[in-house]
Amino acid sequence: MKCYLCKGEMKPSTTTHFVDLKKCMIIVKNVPCWECEQCGEIILDDKVVARLDAIVKNISEMMTEIAVVEYNDAA
C-alpha cells in the first residue's frame, strides 16, 4: 500500500486515538493502523473506524471525565 501524501510505503502499526468531547476526554491506546514509513501519515481502515465509533459511544455514556482504554480490551 502506498501513502496518498508522499507515495511512501505503508506498514502495519498501532497508534493512540484521542477524542475530546465537551464532557470528557477519551484516549484509546494501541489502535491498529497503517503508518507511512516515510512521512508518518496514519490511515485507519473502515472496520477500525467503526469499532472506534462504538468504543467512543460506549465510554461517553459512562459519565467520566477522562477515560483511557485499550483498543483490544474495549467492546
PDB file of N, CA and C in Angstrom:
ATOM      1  N   MET A   1       0.851  -1.163   0.000  1.00  0.00           N
ATOM      2  CA  MET A   1       0.000   0.000   0.000  1.00  0.00           C
ATOM      3  C   MET A   1       0.909   1.242   0.000  1.00  0.00           C
ATOM      4  N   LYS A   2       0.525   2.250  -0.767  1.00  0.00           N
ATOM      5  CA  LYS A   2       1.284   3.495  -0.874  1.00  0.00           C
ATOM      6  C   LYS A   2       0.570   4.624  -0.126  1.00  0.00           C
ATOM      7  N   CYS A   3       1.362   5.511   0.460  1.00  0.00           N
ATOM      8  CA  CYS A   3       0.838   6.689   1.147  1.00  0.00           C
ATOM      9  C   CYS A   3       0.256   7.644   0.113  1.00  0.00           C
ATOM     10  N   TYR A   4      -0.926   8.165   0.392  1.00  0.00           N
ATOM     11  CA  TYR A   4      -1.550   9.083  -0.559  1.00  0.00           C
ATOM     12  C   TYR A   4      -0.912  10.471  -0.504  1.00  0.00           C
ATOM     13  N   LEU A   5      -0.126  10.778   0.541  1.00  0.00           N
ATOM     14  CA  LEU A   5       0.531  12.076   0.632  1.00  0.00           C
ATOM     15  C   LEU A   5       1.883  12.104  -0.077  1.00  0.00           C
ATOM     16  N   CYS A   6       2.749  11.142   0.280  1.00  0.00           N
ATOM     17  CA  CYS A   6       4.122  11.186  -0.232  1.00  0.00           C
ATOM     18  C   CYS A   6       4.491   9.999  -1.116  1.00  0.00           C
ATOM     19  N   LYS A   7       3.580   9.045  -1.258  1.00  0.00           N
ATOM     20  CA  LYS A   7       3.788   7.817  -2.040  1.00  0.00           C
ATOM     21  C   LYS A   7       4.780   6.851  -1.399  1.00  0.00           C
ATOM     22  N   GLY A   8       5.092   7.048  -0.110  1.00  0.00           N
ATOM     23  CA  GLY A   8       5.942   6.110   0.616  1.00  0.00           C
ATOM     24  C   GLY A   8       5.191   4.818   0.909  1.00  0.00           C
ATOM     25  N   GLU A   9       5.905   3.825   1.404  1.00  0.00           N
ATOM     26  CA  GLU A   9       5.308   2.535   1.737  1.00  0.00           C
ATOM     27  C   GLU A   9       4.596   2.601   3.083  1.00  0.00           C
ATOM     28  N   MET A  10       3.409   2.019   3.147  1.00  0.00           N
ATOM     29  CA  MET A  10       2.632   1.942   4.385  1.00  0.00           C
ATOM     30  C   MET A  10       2.907   0.595   5.048  1.00  0.00           C
ATOM     31  N   LYS A  11       3.083   0.617   6.376  1.00  0.00           N
ATOM     32  CA  LYS A  11       3.321  -0.618   7.121  1.00  0.00           C
ATOM     33  C   LYS A  11       2.299  -0.720   8.255  1.00  0.00           C
ATOM     34  N   PRO A  12       1.941  -1.928   8.656  1.00  0.00           N
ATOM     35  CA  PRO A  12       1.033  -2.096   9.789  1.00  0.00           C
ATOM     36  C   PRO A  12       1.688  -1.547  11.056  1.00  0.00           C
ATOM     37  N   SER A  13       0.903  -0.886  11.879  1.00  0.00           N
ATOM     38  CA  SER A  13       1.412  -0.278  13.096  1.00  0.00           C
ATOM     39  C   SER A  13       0.257  -0.101  14.081  1.00  0.00           C
ATOM     40  N   THR A  14       0.506   0.605  15.158  1.00  0.00           N
ATOM     41  CA  THR A  14      -0.553   0.991  16.093  1.00  0.00           C
ATOM     42  C   THR A  14      -0.389   2.470  16.423  1.00  0.00           C
ATOM     43  N   THR A  15      -1.484   3.085  16.850  1.00  0.00           N
ATOM     44  CA  THR A  15      -1.474   4.497  17.208  1.00  0.00           C
ATOM     45  C   THR A  15      -2.365   4.705  18.427  1.00  0.00           C
ATOM     46  N   THR A  16      -2.352   5.905  18.958  1.00  0.00           N
ATOM     47  CA  THR A  16      -3.244   6.279  20.043  1.00  0.00           C
ATOM     48  C   THR A  16      -4.258   7.260  19.487  1.00  0.00           C
ATOM     49  N   HIS A  17      -5.527   7.002  19.744  1.00  0.00           N
ATOM     50  CA  HIS A  17      -6.629   7.823  19.214  1.00  0.00           C
ATOM     51  C   HIS A  17      -7.194   8.671  20.351  1.00  0.00           C
ATOM     52  N   PHE A  18      -7.261   9.997  20.141  1.00  0.00           N
ATOM     53  CA  PHE A  18      -7.782  10.926  21.139  1.00  0.00           C
ATOM     54  C   PHE A  18      -9.113  11.498  20.659  1.00  0.00           C
ATOM     55  N   VAL A  19     -10.087  11.546  21.561  1.00  0.00           N
ATOM     56  CA  VAL A  19     -11.380  12.177  21.262  1.00  0.00           C
ATOM     57  C   VAL A  19     -11.673  13.142  22.405  1.00  0.00           C
ATOM     58  N   ASP A  20     -11.862  14.415  22.062  1.00  0.00           N
ATOM     59  CA  ASP A  20     -12.173  15.434  23.062  1.00  0.00           C
ATOM     60  C   ASP A  20     -13.636  15.823  22.903  1.00  0.00           C
ATOM     61  N   LEU A  21     -14.485  15.246  23.760  1.00  0.00           N
ATOM     62  CA  LEU A  21     -15.888  15.589  23.787  1.00  0.00           C
ATOM     63  C   LEU A  21     -16.075  16.720  24.798  1.00  0.00           C
ATOM     64  N   LYS A  22     -17.176  17.391  24.751  1.00  0.00           N
ATOM     65  CA  LYS A  22     -17.390  18.505  25.681  1.00  0.00           C
ATOM     66  C   LYS A  22     -17.356  18.053  27.147  1.00  0.00           C
ATOM     67  N   LYS A  23     -17.866  16.844  27.402  1.00  0.00           N
ATOM     68  CA  LYS A  23     -17.961  16.390  28.790  1.00  0.00           C
ATOM     69  C   LYS A  23     -16.825  15.461  29.213  1.00  0.00           C
ATOM     70  N   CYS A  24     -16.039  14.968  28.271  1.00  0.00           N
ATOM     71  CA  CYS A  24     -14.960  14.053  28.645  1.00  0.00           C
ATOM     72  C   CYS A  24     -13.906  13.933  27.545  1.00  0.00           C
ATOM     73  N   MET A  25     -12.751  13.410  27.935  1.00  0.00           N
ATOM     74  CA  MET A  25     -11.657  13.114  27.012  1.00  0.00           C
ATOM     75  C   MET A  25     -11.491  11.599  26.989  1.00  0.00           C
ATOM     76  N   ILE A  26     -11.460  11.015  25.783  1.00  0.00           N
ATOM     77  CA  ILE A  26     -11.301   9.571  25.647  1.00  0.00           C
ATOM     78  C   ILE A  26     -10.000   9.302  24.900  1.00  0.00           C
ATOM     79  N   ILE A  27      -9.187   8.419  25.457  1.00  0.00           N
ATOM     80  CA  ILE A  27      -7.920   8.027  24.847  1.00  0.00           C
ATOM     81  C   ILE A  27      -7.982   6.521  24.617  1.00  0.00           C
ATOM     82  N   VAL A  28      -7.810   6.110  23.362  1.00  0.00           N
ATOM     83  CA  VAL A  28      -7.820   4.688  23.023  1.00  0.00           C
ATOM     84  C   VAL A  28      -6.412   4.325  22.567  1.00  0.00           C
ATOM     85  N   LYS A  29      -5.766   3.433  23.300  1.00  0.00           N
ATOM     86  CA  LYS A  29      -4.384   3.053  23.019  1.00  0.00           C
ATOM     87  C   LYS A  29      -4.320   1.821  22.117  1.00  0.00           C
ATOM     88  N   ASN A  30      -3.216   1.707  21.402  1.00  0.00           N
ATOM     89  CA  ASN A  30      -2.896   0.538  20.567  1.00  0.00           C
ATOM     90  C   ASN A  30      -3.939   0.255  19.492  1.00  0.00           C
ATOM     91  N   VAL A  31      -4.369   1.311  18.808  1.00  0.00           N
ATOM     92  CA  VAL A  31      -5.333   1.181  17.715  1.00  0.00           C
ATOM     93  C   VAL A  31      -4.579   0.725  16.461  1.00  0.00           C
ATOM     94  N   PRO A  32      -4.998  -0.372  15.826  1.00  0.00           N
ATOM     95  CA  PRO A  32      -4.319  -0.821  14.609  1.00  0.00           C
ATOM     96  C   PRO A  32      -4.481   0.209  13.486  1.00  0.00           C
ATOM     97  N   CYS A  33      -3.397   0.415  12.748  1.00  0.00           N
ATOM     98  CA  CYS A  33      -3.422   1.392  11.669  1.00  0.00           C
ATOM     99  C   CYS A  33      -2.374   1.028  10.618  1.00  0.00           C
ATOM    100  N   TRP A  34      -2.336   1.827   9.571  1.00  0.00           N
ATOM    101  CA  TRP A  34      -1.276   1.780   8.573  1.00  0.00           C
ATOM    102  C   TRP A  34      -0.480   3.068   8.738  1.00  0.00           C
ATOM    103  N   GLU A  35       0.852   2.968   8.835  1.00  0.00           N
ATOM    104  CA  GLU A  35       1.701   4.135   9.025  1.00  0.00           C
ATOM    105  C   GLU A  35       2.726   4.217   7.896  1.00  0.00           C
ATOM    106  N   CYS A  36       2.869   5.409   7.323  1.00  0.00           N
ATOM    107  CA  CYS A  36       3.831   5.616   6.249  1.00  0.00           C
ATOM    108  C   CYS A  36       5.248   5.596   6.826  1.00  0.00           C
ATOM    109  N   GLU A  37       6.111   4.800   6.221  1.00  0.00           N
ATOM    110  CA  GLU A  37       7.495   4.712   6.673  1.00  0.00           C
ATOM    111  C   GLU A  37       8.263   5.996   6.372  1.00  0.00           C
ATOM    112  N   GLN A  38       7.781   6.782   5.423  1.00  0.00           N
ATOM    113  CA  GLN A  38       8.496   7.988   5.000  1.00  0.00           C
ATOM    114  C   GLN A  38       8.030   9.243   5.744  1.00  0.00           C
ATOM    115  N   CYS A  39       6.717   9.504   5.744  1.00  0.00           N
ATOM    116  CA  CYS A  39       6.224  10.767   6.323  1.00  0.00           C
ATOM    117  C   CYS A  39       5.475  10.589   7.640  1.00  0.00           C
ATOM    118  N   GLY A  40       5.131   9.348   8.016  1.00  0.00           N
ATOM    119  CA  GLY A  40       4.452   9.094   9.284  1.00  0.00           C
ATOM    120  C   GLY A  40       2.938   9.251   9.246  1.00  0.00           C
ATOM    121  N   GLU A  41       2.365   9.486   8.061  1.00  0.00           N
ATOM    122  CA  GLU A  41       0.909   9.596   7.929  1.00  0.00           C
ATOM    123  C   GLU A  41       0.244   8.315   8.437  1.00  0.00           C
ATOM    124  N   ILE A  42      -0.881   8.475   9.147  1.00  0.00           N
ATOM    125  CA  ILE A  42      -1.626   7.352   9.720  1.00  0.00           C
ATOM    126  C   ILE A  42      -2.943   7.193   8.963  1.00  0.00           C
ATOM    127  N   ILE A  43      -3.281   5.943   8.616  1.00  0.00           N
ATOM    128  CA  ILE A  43      -4.550   5.627   7.966  1.00  0.00           C
ATOM    129  C   ILE A  43      -5.226   4.519   8.768  1.00  0.00           C
ATOM    130  N   LEU A  44      -6.517   4.711   9.049  1.00  0.00           N
ATOM    131  CA  LEU A  44      -7.320   3.692   9.733  1.00  0.00           C
ATOM    132  C   LEU A  44      -8.270   3.069   8.723  1.00  0.00           C
ATOM    133  N   ASP A  45      -8.436   1.745   8.779  1.00  0.00           N
ATOM    134  CA  ASP A  45      -9.383   1.132   7.853  1.00  0.00           C
ATOM    135  C   ASP A  45     -10.806   1.244   8.394  1.00  0.00           C
ATOM    136  N   ASP A  46     -11.777   0.963   7.540  1.00  0.00           N
ATOM    137  CA  ASP A  46     -13.193   1.150   7.880  1.00  0.00           C
ATOM    138  C   ASP A  46     -13.626   0.351   9.108  1.00  0.00           C
ATOM    139  N   LYS A  47     -13.134  -0.868   9.227  1.00  0.00           N
ATOM    140  CA  LYS A  47     -13.501  -1.723  10.359  1.00  0.00           C
ATOM    141  C   LYS A  47     -13.008  -1.121  11.681  1.00  0.00           C
ATOM    142  N   VAL A  48     -11.792  -0.593  11.683  1.00  0.00           N
ATOM    143  CA  VAL A  48     -11.232   0.026  12.883  1.00  0.00           C
ATOM    144  C   VAL A  48     -12.011   1.290  13.238  1.00  0.00           C
ATOM    145  N   VAL A  49     -12.353   2.106  12.244  1.00  0.00           N
ATOM    146  CA  VAL A  49     -13.119   3.328  12.483  1.00  0.00           C
ATOM    147  C   VAL A  49     -14.485   2.995  13.082  1.00  0.00           C
ATOM    148  N   ALA A  50     -15.137   1.970  12.571  1.00  0.00           N
ATOM    149  CA  ALA A  50     -16.443   1.562  13.108  1.00  0.00           C
ATOM    150  C   ALA A  50     -16.309   1.119  14.561  1.00  0.00           C
ATOM    151  N   ARG A  51     -15.265   0.377  14.869  1.00  0.00           N
ATOM    152  CA  ARG A  51     -15.063  -0.081  16.250  1.00  0.00           C
ATOM    153  C   ARG A  51     -14.733   1.102  17.158  1.00  0.00           C
ATOM    154  N   LEU A  52     -13.920   2.045  16.680  1.00  0.00           N
ATOM    155  CA  LEU A  52     -13.612   3.242  17.468  1.00  0.00           C
ATOM    156  C   LEU A  52     -14.884   4.035  17.765  1.00  0.00           C
ATOM    157  N   ASP A  53     -15.754   4.170  16.775  1.00  0.00           N
ATOM    158  CA  ASP A  53     -17.027   4.867  16.993  1.00  0.00           C
ATOM    159  C   ASP A  53     -17.830   4.197  18.099  1.00  0.00           C
ATOM    160  N   ALA A  54     -17.879   2.860  18.086  1.00  0.00           N
ATOM    161  CA  ALA A  54     -18.617   2.121  19.113  1.00  0.00           C
ATOM    162  C   ALA A  54     -17.970   2.299  20.487  1.00  0.00           C
ATOM    163  N   ILE A  55     -16.638   2.259  20.540  1.00  0.00           N
ATOM    164  CA  ILE A  55     -15.927   2.444  21.808  1.00  0.00           C
ATOM    165  C   ILE A  55     -16.215   3.833  22.372  1.00  0.00           C
ATOM    166  N   VAL A  56     -16.105   4.856  21.529  1.00  0.00           N
ATOM    167  CA  VAL A  56     -16.332   6.236  21.979  1.00  0.00           C
ATOM    168  C   VAL A  56     -17.764   6.407  22.474  1.00  0.00           C
ATOM    169  N   LYS A  57     -18.722   5.864  21.748  1.00  0.00           N
ATOM    170  CA  LYS A  57     -20.132   5.972  22.160  1.00  0.00           C
ATOM    171  C   LYS A  57     -20.349   5.301  23.512  1.00  0.00           C
ATOM    172  N   ASN A  58     -19.794   4.115  23.676  1.00  0.00           N
ATOM    173  CA  ASN A  58     -19.951   3.353  24.910  1.00  0.00           C
ATOM    174  C   ASN A  58     -19.301   4.079  26.094  1.00  0.00           C
ATOM    175  N   ILE A  59     -18.086   4.540  25.926  1.00  0.00           N
ATOM    176  CA  ILE A  59     -17.361   5.212  27.003  1.00  0.00           C
ATOM    177  C   ILE A  59     -18.005   6.555  27.340  1.00  0.00           C
ATOM    178  N   SER A  60     -18.465   7.291  26.328  1.00  0.00           N
ATOM    179  CA  SER A  60     -19.033   8.623  26.576  1.00  0.00           C
ATOM    180  C   SER A  60     -20.320   8.559  27.399  1.00  0.00           C
ATOM    181  N   GLU A  61     -20.985   7.428  27.403  1.00  0.00           N
ATOM    182  CA  GLU A  61     -22.214   7.255  28.179  1.00  0.00           C
ATOM    183  C   GLU A  61     -21.937   6.928  29.650  1.00  0.00           C
ATOM    184  N   MET A  62     -20.684   6.754  30.023  1.00  0.00           N
ATOM    185  CA  MET A  62     -20.333   6.336  31.382  1.00  0.00           C
ATOM    186  C   MET A  62     -20.156   7.488  32.363  1.00  0.00           C
ATOM    187  N   MET A  63     -20.357   8.716  31.970  1.00  0.00           N
ATOM    188  CA  MET A  63     -20.240   9.863  32.868  1.00  0.00           C
ATOM    189  C   MET A  63     -18.876   9.926  33.554  1.00  0.00           C
ATOM    190  N   THR A  64     -17.810   9.879  32.788  1.00  0.00           N
ATOM    191  CA  THR A  64     -16.469  10.017  33.333  1.00  0.00           C
ATOM    192  C   THR A  64     -15.780  11.179  32.633  1.00  0.00           C
ATOM    193  N   GLU A  65     -14.843  11.820  33.315  1.00  0.00           N
ATOM    194  CA  GLU A  65     -14.186  12.985  32.719  1.00  0.00           C
ATOM    195  C   GLU A  65     -13.083  12.576  31.757  1.00  0.00           C
ATOM    196  N   ILE A  66     -12.256  11.598  32.165  1.00  0.00           N
ATOM    197  CA  ILE A  66     -11.170  11.114  31.315  1.00  0.00           C
ATOM    198  C   ILE A  66     -11.219   9.597  31.313  1.00  0.00           C
ATOM    199  N   ALA A  67     -11.138   9.007  30.137  1.00  0.00           N
ATOM    200  CA  ALA A  67     -11.119   7.549  30.025  1.00  0.00           C
ATOM    201  C   ALA A  67      -9.959   7.141  29.133  1.00  0.00           C
ATOM    202  N   VAL A  68      -9.165   6.193  29.605  1.00  0.00           N
ATOM    203  CA  VAL A  68      -8.074   5.621  28.821  1.00  0.00           C
ATOM    204  C   VAL A  68      -8.387   4.143  28.684  1.00  0.00           C
ATOM    205  N   VAL A  69      -8.552   3.686  27.425  1.00  0.00           N
ATOM    206  CA  VAL A  69      -8.910   2.282  27.204  1.00  0.00           C
ATOM    207  C   VAL A  69      -7.955   1.643  26.211  1.00  0.00           C
ATOM    208  N   GLU A  70      -7.810   0.361  26.312  1.00  0.00           N
ATOM    209  CA  GLU A  70      -7.015  -0.440  25.389  1.00  0.00           C
ATOM    210  C   GLU A  70      -7.938  -0.879  24.261  1.00  0.00           C
ATOM    211  N   TYR A  71      -7.529  -0.666  23.022  1.00  0.00           N
ATOM    212  CA  TYR A  71      -8.357  -0.998  21.858  1.00  0.00           C
ATOM    213  C   TYR A  71      -8.805  -2.457  21.902  1.00  0.00           C
ATOM    214  N   ASN A  72      -7.905  -3.370  22.161  1.00  0.00           N
ATOM    215  CA  ASN A  72      -8.230  -4.804  22.133  1.00  0.00           C
ATOM    216  C   ASN A  72      -9.118  -5.242  23.292  1.00  0.00           C
ATOM    217  N   ASP A  73      -9.137  -4.472  24.379  1.00  0.00           N
ATOM    218  CA  ASP A  73      -9.937  -4.826  25.535  1.00  0.00           C
ATOM    219  C   ASP A  73     -11.322  -4.184  25.531  1.00  0.00           C
ATOM    220  N   ALA A  74     -11.500  -3.158  24.712  1.00  0.00           N
ATOM    221  CA  ALA A  74     -12.768  -2.401  24.697  1.00  0.00           C
ATOM    222  C   ALA A  74     -13.793  -3.098  23.830  1.00  0.00           C
ATOM    223  N   ALA A  75     -15.039  -2.986  24.229  1.00  0.00           N
ATOM    224  CA  ALA A  75     -16.119  -3.590  23.447  1.00  0.00           C
ATOM    225  C   ALA A  75     -16.495  -2.603  22.434  1.00  0.00           C
TER     226      ALA A  75
END
